[in-house]
Amino acid sequence: MDYFKLFKNVNPCKTAIIEDGNVYTYGQVSDMALALARGLLKKKVFIMKEDSILKQLVTFLACNAAGIVPLVVPSDAKKLPGINDVPEDACMAVMTSGTTGVPKILYRTYKSWADFFPVQNEIFGIDKESILFAHGSLAFTGNLNLYMAQFYAGGTVVAENKFNPRRWADIIKKENVNAIYLIPSKLMLLSDIVKECNYNVKSVISGSQSLGLADARKLKKIFPMSDITLYYGASELSYVTYVKDKDMKPDRNFIGKPFPGVKVSIKDGMIYVDSKYHAEGINCPYSVSDNGYMDAEGNLYFKGRSDDIVLIHGRKISLVNIENELEKMEDIHEAAVVSVMDKQKNIIIAFISIKPGNVNTNVNIGNISSNLRKRLAHYEMPCKIIVLDEIPHNGSGKKDKKKILEIYKQK
């Protein structure tokens, strides 16, 4: 009952969450969770498929109060993995695609998860005075972690279920939000929408995608008082490294130094992590099949997952590097690069989406290709560049390359 107790210990009159404009105090959320807990069937794991953030939060706390392990899954999930052996002291579970793309369940104890909250909150600038804006489901472990860490601190979450950046900008101003958590692609939409400086935002937190110095400078123009933090992490391992805006580099692969208590090493080009804040059954040093390297100062650089490194004509090519170069261009919002088989040989295809406001203009693929040739070696150049209305993402906010390949096959 640790998370439920945590909620009960905060002033019941304080606002816990503002969901889609509706206000709920810590006391109200606790009462709703306790009422639901009384009606839950006693079983080891309760599969949560609620379709709103508040329902997810209440159900999560209700399970905790009833001594049941909540498994948070997307509301539209069709295939669920079988429930495997549940660790005796597990307090929660999440479903992740893992390194193979096959869904699997990860279990966490309160100690291995919440014990890291004080460390991350200090780095992210989160405390009891924080009013944190975030978007999206608790099935995304990044959201679940940041929401619960905010409640751990006794702060307030301003949560939006729908994707509507213009509304987000209004809500951030209306609710006096002083901290923002969004993945980079969503953050950069705000930088195009917000037209006046917001001096109230003190902390901007982001992860799961690349964010470079140029991006940080754009964000600082609208949030001049903010401390911007980009993190690198994994569902299996919590947070691994972080970098602040003052230390960011033009290289968008730069992801900073390890969090306190976390050790990072490189073996055969693969990132290995040693941390006590990991999912059950993980043996450290552990790798989630991400590639990278470290410089002489101990900074980590991300080169993509194993399947983002492809061999073409005997040369290793980083698809993430091509994506980063495309996303540096002025009109491009996002890029996703894949390798496909064409006439029995591997070729590279780039998909791009255009920044809001430019969608209805003619996209000059020739100019994009010319600019890209100045940044890449000839063997790294995509064979095709295809414009999409938007780049699809999975539940964790990462680019959904399986869906992108399906789109390509349909063209």
Protein backbone atom coordinates (compact mmCIF):
# COMPACT_ATOMS: atom_id res chain seq x y z
CA MET A 1 0.00 0.00 0.00
CA ASP A 2 3.02 2.32 -0.34
CA TYR A 3 1.70 4.53 -3.16
CA PHE A 4 -1.76 4.77 -1.63
CA LYS A 5 -0.20 5.71 1.72
CA LEU A 6 1.96 8.26 -0.08
CA PHE A 7 -1.17 9.88 -1.51
CA LYS A 8 -2.99 9.80 1.84
CA ASN A 9 -0.08 11.57 3.55
CA VAL A 10 -0.40 14.72 1.39
CA ASN A 11 -2.74 17.53 2.46
CA PRO A 12 -6.16 16.24 1.27
CA CYS A 13 -7.21 19.75 0.20
CA LYS A 14 -4.23 20.23 -2.13
CA THR A 15 -4.79 19.82 -5.86
CA ALA A 16 -3.32 16.52 -7.03
CA ILE A 17 -4.32 16.50 -10.69
CA ILE A 18 -6.07 18.75 -13.17
CA GLU A 19 -7.26 16.46 -15.96
CA ASP A 20 -8.59 18.17 -19.09
CA GLY A 21 -9.43 21.21 -16.96
CA ASN A 22 -11.16 19.29 -14.13
CA VAL A 23 -9.62 19.66 -10.67
CA TYR A 24 -9.19 16.77 -8.19
CA THR A 25 -7.56 17.05 -4.77
CA TYR A 26 -5.37 14.46 -3.07
CA GLY A 27 -8.27 13.69 -0.75
CA GLN A 28 -10.74 13.18 -3.60
CA VAL A 29 -8.39 10.89 -5.54
CA SER A 30 -7.64 8.89 -2.37
CA ASP A 31 -11.36 8.48 -1.62
CA MET A 32 -12.11 7.35 -5.18
CA ALA A 33 -9.24 4.85 -5.03
CA LEU A 34 -10.36 3.43 -1.66
CA ALA A 35 -13.96 3.04 -2.88
CA LEU A 36 -12.76 1.18 -5.98
CA ALA A 37 -10.36 -0.99 -3.95
CA ARG A 38 -13.25 -2.42 -1.90
CA GLY A 39 -14.83 -3.86 -5.06
CA LEU A 40 -11.73 -5.30 -6.72
CA LEU A 41 -11.49 -9.06 -7.02
CA LYS A 42 -8.55 -10.46 -5.11
CA LYS A 43 -5.95 -11.63 -7.61
CA LYS A 44 -2.24 -11.21 -8.14
CA VAL A 45 -2.37 -8.90 -11.18
CA PHE A 46 -5.10 -6.51 -12.33
CA ILE A 47 -4.88 -5.51 -16.01
CA MET A 48 -5.65 -1.79 -16.36
CA LYS A 49 -7.05 -0.71 -19.74
CA GLU A 50 -8.73 2.51 -18.64
CA ASP A 51 -9.05 5.19 -21.29
CA SER A 52 -8.33 8.32 -19.24
CA ILE A 53 -5.47 9.50 -17.07
CA LEU A 54 -7.63 10.02 -13.97
CA LYS A 55 -9.19 6.55 -14.24
CA GLN A 56 -5.72 5.05 -14.66
CA LEU A 57 -4.41 6.89 -11.61
CA VAL A 58 -7.38 5.94 -9.42
CA THR A 59 -7.21 2.29 -10.50
CA PHE A 60 -3.44 2.19 -9.94
CA LEU A 61 -3.87 3.48 -6.38
CA ALA A 62 -6.89 1.21 -5.75
CA CYS A 63 -4.83 -1.85 -6.69
CA ASN A 64 -2.09 -0.66 -4.37
CA ALA A 65 -4.57 -0.21 -1.53
CA ALA A 66 -5.98 -3.71 -2.14
CA GLY A 67 -2.57 -5.40 -2.32
CA ILE A 68 -2.95 -6.19 -6.04
CA VAL A 69 -0.25 -5.60 -8.69
CA PRO A 70 -1.57 -3.18 -11.35
CA LEU A 71 -0.49 -3.85 -14.94
CA VAL A 72 -0.87 -0.66 -16.98
CA VAL A 73 -1.52 -1.32 -20.69
CA PRO A 74 -2.74 0.93 -23.53
CA SER A 75 -6.54 1.12 -23.69
CA ASP A 76 -6.46 -0.06 -27.32
CA ALA A 77 -4.11 -3.00 -26.66
CA LYS A 78 -5.37 -6.12 -28.46
CA LYS A 79 -2.64 -8.67 -27.68
CA LEU A 80 -1.44 -9.04 -24.14
CA PRO A 81 1.42 -11.25 -22.99
CA GLY A 82 0.67 -14.04 -20.53
CA ILE A 83 0.99 -13.23 -16.85
CA ASN A 84 4.25 -14.82 -15.76
CA ASP A 85 5.50 -15.51 -12.24
CA VAL A 86 4.82 -12.44 -10.12
CA PRO A 87 7.63 -11.47 -7.72
CA GLU A 88 6.45 -11.56 -4.13
CA ASP A 89 7.25 -7.92 -3.37
CA ALA A 90 6.15 -6.48 -6.74
CA CYS A 91 4.04 -3.32 -6.44
CA MET A 92 3.38 -2.62 -10.12
CA ALA A 93 3.86 -3.92 -13.65
CA VAL A 94 4.13 -2.35 -17.08
CA MET A 95 3.98 -3.78 -20.58
CA THR A 96 6.86 -2.93 -22.87
CA SER A 97 7.84 -3.91 -26.38
CA GLY A 98 11.31 -4.79 -25.10
CA THR A 99 14.30 -5.18 -27.36
CA THR A 100 12.62 -7.64 -29.73
CA GLY A 101 9.35 -5.81 -30.36
CA VAL A 102 7.44 -8.61 -28.64
CA PRO A 103 5.36 -7.34 -25.68
CA LYS A 104 6.56 -8.43 -22.27
CA ILE A 105 5.75 -7.63 -18.66
CA LEU A 106 8.17 -5.89 -16.34
CA TYR A 107 7.63 -5.93 -12.57
CA ARG A 108 8.83 -3.30 -10.14
CA THR A 109 9.17 -3.19 -6.37
CA TYR A 110 8.47 0.04 -4.54
CA LYS A 111 12.10 0.22 -3.45
CA SER A 112 13.60 -0.26 -6.93
CA TRP A 113 11.33 2.39 -8.42
CA ALA A 114 10.30 5.01 -5.85
CA ASP A 115 13.67 5.08 -4.08
CA PHE A 116 15.01 6.83 -7.18
CA PHE A 117 12.36 9.59 -7.03
CA PRO A 118 14.39 11.91 -4.72
CA VAL A 119 17.41 11.62 -7.05
CA GLN A 120 15.49 12.34 -10.25
CA ASN A 121 13.32 15.06 -8.66
CA GLU A 122 16.39 17.01 -7.61
CA ILE A 123 17.88 16.82 -11.12
CA PHE A 124 14.55 17.60 -12.81
CA GLY A 125 13.75 20.47 -10.42
CA ILE A 126 10.60 18.87 -9.03
CA ASP A 127 9.29 19.62 -5.50
CA LYS A 128 6.02 20.19 -3.61
CA GLU A 129 5.56 23.56 -5.34
CA SER A 130 5.79 22.05 -8.82
CA ILE A 131 2.84 22.23 -11.20
CA LEU A 132 3.84 19.76 -13.90
CA PHE A 133 2.21 19.71 -17.34
CA ALA A 134 2.20 16.38 -19.20
CA HIS A 135 0.28 14.67 -21.98
CA GLY A 136 -0.75 11.07 -22.38
CA SER A 137 -1.46 7.72 -20.84
CA LEU A 138 0.14 6.12 -17.79
CA ALA A 139 0.73 3.08 -20.02
CA PHE A 140 3.77 5.04 -21.20
CA THR A 141 6.24 4.30 -18.40
CA GLY A 142 7.84 7.74 -18.77
CA ASN A 143 4.49 9.33 -17.89
CA LEU A 144 3.80 6.89 -15.06
CA ASN A 145 7.20 7.58 -13.55
CA LEU A 146 7.02 11.39 -13.79
CA TYR A 147 3.42 11.54 -12.50
CA MET A 148 4.16 9.35 -9.48
CA ALA A 149 7.43 11.18 -8.75
CA GLN A 150 5.45 14.43 -8.77
CA PHE A 151 2.91 13.01 -6.31
CA TYR A 152 5.82 11.67 -4.22
CA ALA A 153 6.99 15.29 -3.92
CA GLY A 154 3.46 16.46 -3.07
CA GLY A 155 3.12 18.55 -6.24
CA THR A 156 0.37 18.94 -8.83
CA VAL A 157 0.00 17.35 -12.28
CA VAL A 158 -1.80 19.14 -15.11
CA ALA A 159 -2.66 16.31 -17.49
CA GLU A 160 -4.21 16.34 -20.95
CA ASN A 161 -5.60 13.22 -22.64
CA LYS A 162 -5.89 14.62 -26.16
CA PHE A 163 -3.21 15.70 -28.59
CA ASN A 164 -3.89 19.42 -28.97
CA PRO A 165 -0.73 21.58 -28.69
CA ARG A 166 -2.64 24.86 -29.05
CA ARG A 167 -4.84 23.94 -26.09
CA TRP A 168 -1.71 22.81 -24.18
CA ALA A 169 -0.19 26.28 -24.63
CA ASP A 170 -3.36 27.89 -23.21
CA ILE A 171 -3.56 25.43 -20.29
CA ILE A 172 0.12 25.93 -19.40
CA LYS A 173 -0.54 29.66 -19.09
CA LYS A 174 -3.94 29.38 -17.38
CA GLU A 175 -2.84 26.91 -14.67
CA ASN A 176 0.45 28.69 -13.91
CA VAL A 177 2.41 25.59 -14.89
CA ASN A 178 6.04 25.82 -13.78
CA ALA A 179 7.33 22.46 -15.08
CA ILE A 180 6.73 20.69 -18.40
CA TYR A 181 7.28 17.06 -19.36
CA LEU A 182 6.91 16.20 -23.06
CA ILE A 183 8.88 14.19 -25.58
CA PRO A 184 10.99 16.41 -27.92
CA SER A 185 8.67 16.22 -30.95
CA LYS A 186 5.77 17.54 -28.82
CA LEU A 187 7.94 20.13 -27.08
CA MET A 188 9.09 21.59 -30.39
CA LEU A 189 5.47 22.03 -31.47
CA LEU A 190 5.05 24.34 -28.47
CA SER A 191 8.06 26.35 -29.61
CA ASP A 192 6.23 27.04 -32.89
CA ILE A 193 2.89 27.86 -31.23
CA VAL A 194 3.77 29.96 -28.16
CA LYS A 195 4.27 33.56 -29.28
CA GLU A 196 5.17 35.27 -25.99
CA CYS A 197 7.69 34.51 -23.27
CA ASN A 198 6.52 32.46 -20.30
CA TYR A 199 8.67 33.37 -17.30
CA ASN A 200 6.80 31.02 -14.96
CA VAL A 201 8.19 27.75 -16.37
CA LYS A 202 11.30 26.82 -14.39
CA SER A 203 11.83 23.23 -15.54
CA VAL A 204 11.45 21.47 -18.91
CA ILE A 205 11.97 17.68 -18.90
CA SER A 206 12.21 15.53 -22.00
CA GLY A 207 13.36 12.11 -23.18
CA SER A 208 12.76 9.13 -25.50
CA GLN A 209 13.92 11.14 -28.52
CA SER A 210 16.84 13.37 -29.53
CA LEU A 211 17.11 17.00 -28.45
CA GLY A 212 20.04 19.18 -29.42
CA LEU A 213 21.49 22.61 -28.69
CA ALA A 214 19.49 24.33 -31.46
CA ASP A 215 16.25 22.86 -30.05
CA ALA A 216 17.14 23.99 -26.53
CA ARG A 217 17.81 27.53 -27.75
CA LYS A 218 14.37 27.68 -29.41
CA LEU A 219 12.75 26.51 -26.18
CA LYS A 220 14.70 29.06 -24.11
CA LYS A 221 13.23 31.84 -26.25
CA ILE A 222 9.72 31.02 -25.00
CA PHE A 223 10.71 29.67 -21.57
CA PRO A 224 13.70 31.93 -20.74
CA MET A 225 13.81 31.04 -17.03
CA SER A 226 13.67 27.28 -17.59
CA ASP A 227 16.25 24.64 -16.81
CA ILE A 228 15.98 22.12 -19.67
CA THR A 229 16.89 18.48 -18.99
CA LEU A 230 17.10 15.72 -21.58
CA TYR A 231 17.27 12.20 -20.15
CA TYR A 232 18.10 8.80 -21.58
CA GLY A 233 16.53 5.75 -19.97
CA ALA A 234 14.64 2.51 -20.47
CA SER A 235 11.61 0.83 -18.90
CA GLU A 236 13.88 -1.91 -17.61
CA LEU A 237 16.39 0.49 -16.05
CA SER A 238 14.69 3.79 -15.13
CA TYR A 239 16.94 6.78 -15.87
CA VAL A 240 20.49 6.28 -17.11
CA THR A 241 22.02 9.61 -18.24
CA TYR A 242 20.99 13.25 -18.49
CA VAL A 243 22.22 16.53 -19.94
CA LYS A 244 21.23 20.12 -19.15
CA ASP A 245 20.68 22.78 -21.83
CA LYS A 246 23.85 24.65 -20.84
CA ASP A 247 25.89 21.52 -21.60
CA MET A 248 24.09 20.43 -24.79
CA LYS A 249 25.98 20.20 -28.06
CA PRO A 250 25.03 20.57 -31.74
CA ASP A 251 25.35 16.77 -31.90
CA ARG A 252 21.83 15.52 -31.14
CA ASN A 253 23.26 12.09 -30.24
CA PHE A 254 24.81 13.56 -27.08
CA ILE A 255 22.90 12.31 -23.99
CA GLY A 256 25.16 13.36 -21.14
CA LYS A 257 26.50 11.83 -17.96
CA PRO A 258 25.06 9.05 -15.75
CA PHE A 259 22.59 9.81 -12.97
CA PRO A 260 24.02 9.50 -9.44
CA GLY A 261 24.39 5.85 -8.48
CA VAL A 262 24.28 4.67 -12.11
CA LYS A 263 27.30 3.29 -14.00
CA VAL A 264 27.54 3.11 -17.78
CA SER A 265 30.02 1.14 -19.85
CA ILE A 266 30.47 0.27 -23.53
CA LYS A 267 31.23 -3.22 -24.81
CA ASP A 268 31.47 -3.97 -28.53
CA GLY A 269 29.67 -0.70 -29.23
CA MET A 270 26.73 -1.64 -26.96
CA ILE A 271 25.61 0.42 -23.95
CA TYR A 272 25.59 -1.50 -20.64
CA VAL A 273 24.09 -0.11 -17.43
CA ASP A 274 24.72 -1.01 -13.81
CA SER A 275 22.01 0.31 -11.49
CA LYS A 276 20.03 -0.95 -8.51
CA TYR A 277 16.93 0.85 -9.82
CA HIS A 278 15.84 -1.76 -12.34
CA ALA A 279 12.95 -4.11 -13.08
CA GLU A 280 12.81 -7.49 -11.37
CA GLY A 281 14.80 -10.29 -13.01
CA ILE A 282 17.35 -7.91 -14.56
CA ASN A 283 21.00 -8.81 -14.09
CA CYS A 284 23.41 -5.89 -14.25
CA PRO A 285 25.37 -4.76 -16.17
CA TYR A 286 22.37 -4.87 -18.52
CA SER A 287 21.85 -3.75 -22.11
CA VAL A 288 18.61 -2.93 -23.93
CA SER A 289 20.50 -3.36 -27.24
CA ASP A 290 21.24 0.34 -27.67
CA ASN A 291 24.46 1.35 -29.41
CA GLY A 292 26.68 4.20 -28.30
CA TYR A 293 30.09 5.40 -27.23
CA MET A 294 31.64 7.47 -24.45
CA ASP A 295 34.13 10.30 -24.80
CA ALA A 296 37.18 10.90 -22.61
CA GLU A 297 35.11 12.98 -20.17
CA GLY A 298 32.62 10.18 -19.52
CA ASN A 299 29.81 11.61 -21.67
CA LEU A 300 27.52 9.15 -23.44
CA TYR A 301 26.51 9.40 -27.12
CA PHE A 302 23.56 7.44 -28.48
CA LYS A 303 23.88 5.79 -31.90
CA GLY A 304 20.54 3.97 -32.03
CA ARG A 305 19.18 0.53 -31.28
CA SER A 306 20.84 -2.50 -32.80
CA ASP A 307 18.28 -2.55 -35.61
CA ASP A 308 19.07 1.11 -36.36
CA ILE A 309 22.56 0.11 -37.48
CA VAL A 310 22.42 -1.44 -40.96
CA LEU A 311 25.05 -2.92 -43.24
CA ILE A 312 24.93 -1.64 -46.82
CA HIS A 313 27.68 -2.37 -49.36
CA GLY A 314 29.91 -3.50 -46.50
CA ARG A 315 29.53 -0.24 -44.56
CA LYS A 316 27.80 0.22 -41.20
CA ILE A 317 25.24 3.02 -41.39
CA SER A 318 23.41 4.66 -38.47
CA LEU A 319 19.79 5.37 -39.40
CA VAL A 320 19.48 7.59 -36.31
CA ASN A 321 22.31 9.79 -37.60
CA ILE A 322 20.42 10.32 -40.87
CA GLU A 323 17.24 11.17 -38.92
CA ASN A 324 19.13 13.72 -36.83
CA GLU A 325 20.56 15.42 -39.90
CA LEU A 326 17.11 15.66 -41.49
CA GLU A 327 15.58 17.05 -38.30
CA LYS A 328 18.16 19.85 -38.23
CA MET A 329 16.56 21.30 -41.37
CA GLU A 330 14.29 24.29 -40.89
CA ASP A 331 11.00 22.97 -42.28
CA ILE A 332 11.23 19.35 -41.11
CA HIS A 333 9.40 18.49 -37.89
CA GLU A 334 10.33 14.80 -37.63
CA ALA A 335 12.15 12.16 -39.65
CA ALA A 336 12.14 8.37 -39.50
CA VAL A 337 14.60 6.35 -41.56
CA VAL A 338 14.24 2.65 -42.32
CA SER A 339 16.09 0.00 -44.29
CA VAL A 340 14.07 -2.20 -46.66
CA MET A 341 14.81 -4.98 -49.11
CA ASP A 342 14.37 -3.93 -52.73
CA LYS A 343 15.35 -6.28 -55.58
CA GLN A 344 17.39 -8.41 -53.17
CA LYS A 345 19.41 -5.52 -51.76
CA ASN A 346 19.09 -3.21 -48.77
CA ILE A 347 18.11 0.39 -49.46
CA ILE A 348 17.46 3.34 -47.15
CA ILE A 349 14.11 5.16 -47.17
CA ALA A 350 13.52 8.42 -45.26
CA PHE A 351 10.09 9.56 -44.10
CA ILE A 352 9.57 13.15 -43.01
CA SER A 353 6.79 15.31 -41.60
CA ILE A 354 6.66 19.06 -42.07
CA LYS A 355 6.37 21.62 -39.28
CA PRO A 356 2.85 22.98 -38.58
CA GLY A 357 2.08 25.97 -40.78
CA ASN A 358 4.12 24.54 -43.66
CA VAL A 359 1.92 21.49 -44.32
CA ASN A 360 0.07 23.02 -47.25
CA THR A 361 3.18 24.32 -49.01
CA ASN A 362 4.98 22.39 -51.70
CA VAL A 363 7.83 20.41 -50.20
CA ASN A 364 10.92 20.56 -52.38
CA ILE A 365 12.43 17.09 -52.02
CA GLY A 366 15.26 18.12 -54.35
CA ASN A 367 16.37 20.87 -51.97
CA ILE A 368 16.15 18.50 -49.00
CA SER A 369 18.30 15.94 -50.83
CA SER A 370 20.84 18.60 -51.81
CA ASN A 371 21.13 19.81 -48.21
CA LEU A 372 21.42 16.24 -46.96
CA ARG A 373 24.30 15.48 -49.37
CA LYS A 374 26.29 18.25 -47.68
CA ARG A 375 25.85 16.53 -44.30
CA LEU A 376 26.17 12.81 -45.15
CA ALA A 377 28.54 10.49 -46.95
CA HIS A 378 27.27 9.37 -50.37
CA TYR A 379 26.62 5.82 -49.12
CA GLU A 380 24.39 7.16 -46.29
CA MET A 381 21.99 8.97 -48.63
CA PRO A 382 18.39 7.67 -48.70
CA CYS A 383 17.15 6.29 -52.01
CA LYS A 384 13.78 7.95 -51.41
CA ILE A 385 12.38 10.72 -49.21
CA ILE A 386 8.65 10.38 -48.56
CA VAL A 387 6.48 13.06 -46.93
CA LEU A 388 3.87 11.95 -44.36
CA ASP A 389 1.26 14.08 -42.58
CA GLU A 390 2.83 12.87 -39.33
CA ILE A 391 5.35 10.29 -38.17
CA PRO A 392 3.54 7.53 -36.21
CA HIS A 393 4.65 6.82 -32.63
CA ASN A 394 4.14 3.89 -30.29
CA GLY A 395 2.80 4.06 -26.74
CA SER A 396 6.16 5.08 -25.29
CA GLY A 397 6.50 8.02 -27.66
CA LYS A 398 9.16 6.41 -29.84
CA LYS A 399 8.86 6.41 -33.63
CA ASP A 400 6.86 3.36 -34.69
CA LYS A 401 8.99 1.99 -37.51
CA LYS A 402 6.87 -1.13 -37.88
CA LYS A 403 3.89 1.05 -38.76
CA ILE A 404 6.10 3.15 -41.05
CA LEU A 405 7.16 0.03 -42.95
CA GLU A 406 3.48 -0.93 -43.30
CA ILE A 407 2.80 2.52 -44.78
CA TYR A 408 5.67 2.06 -47.24
CA LYS A 409 4.39 -1.34 -48.38
CA GLN A 410 0.97 0.18 -49.09
CA LYS A 411 2.39 2.91 -51.31
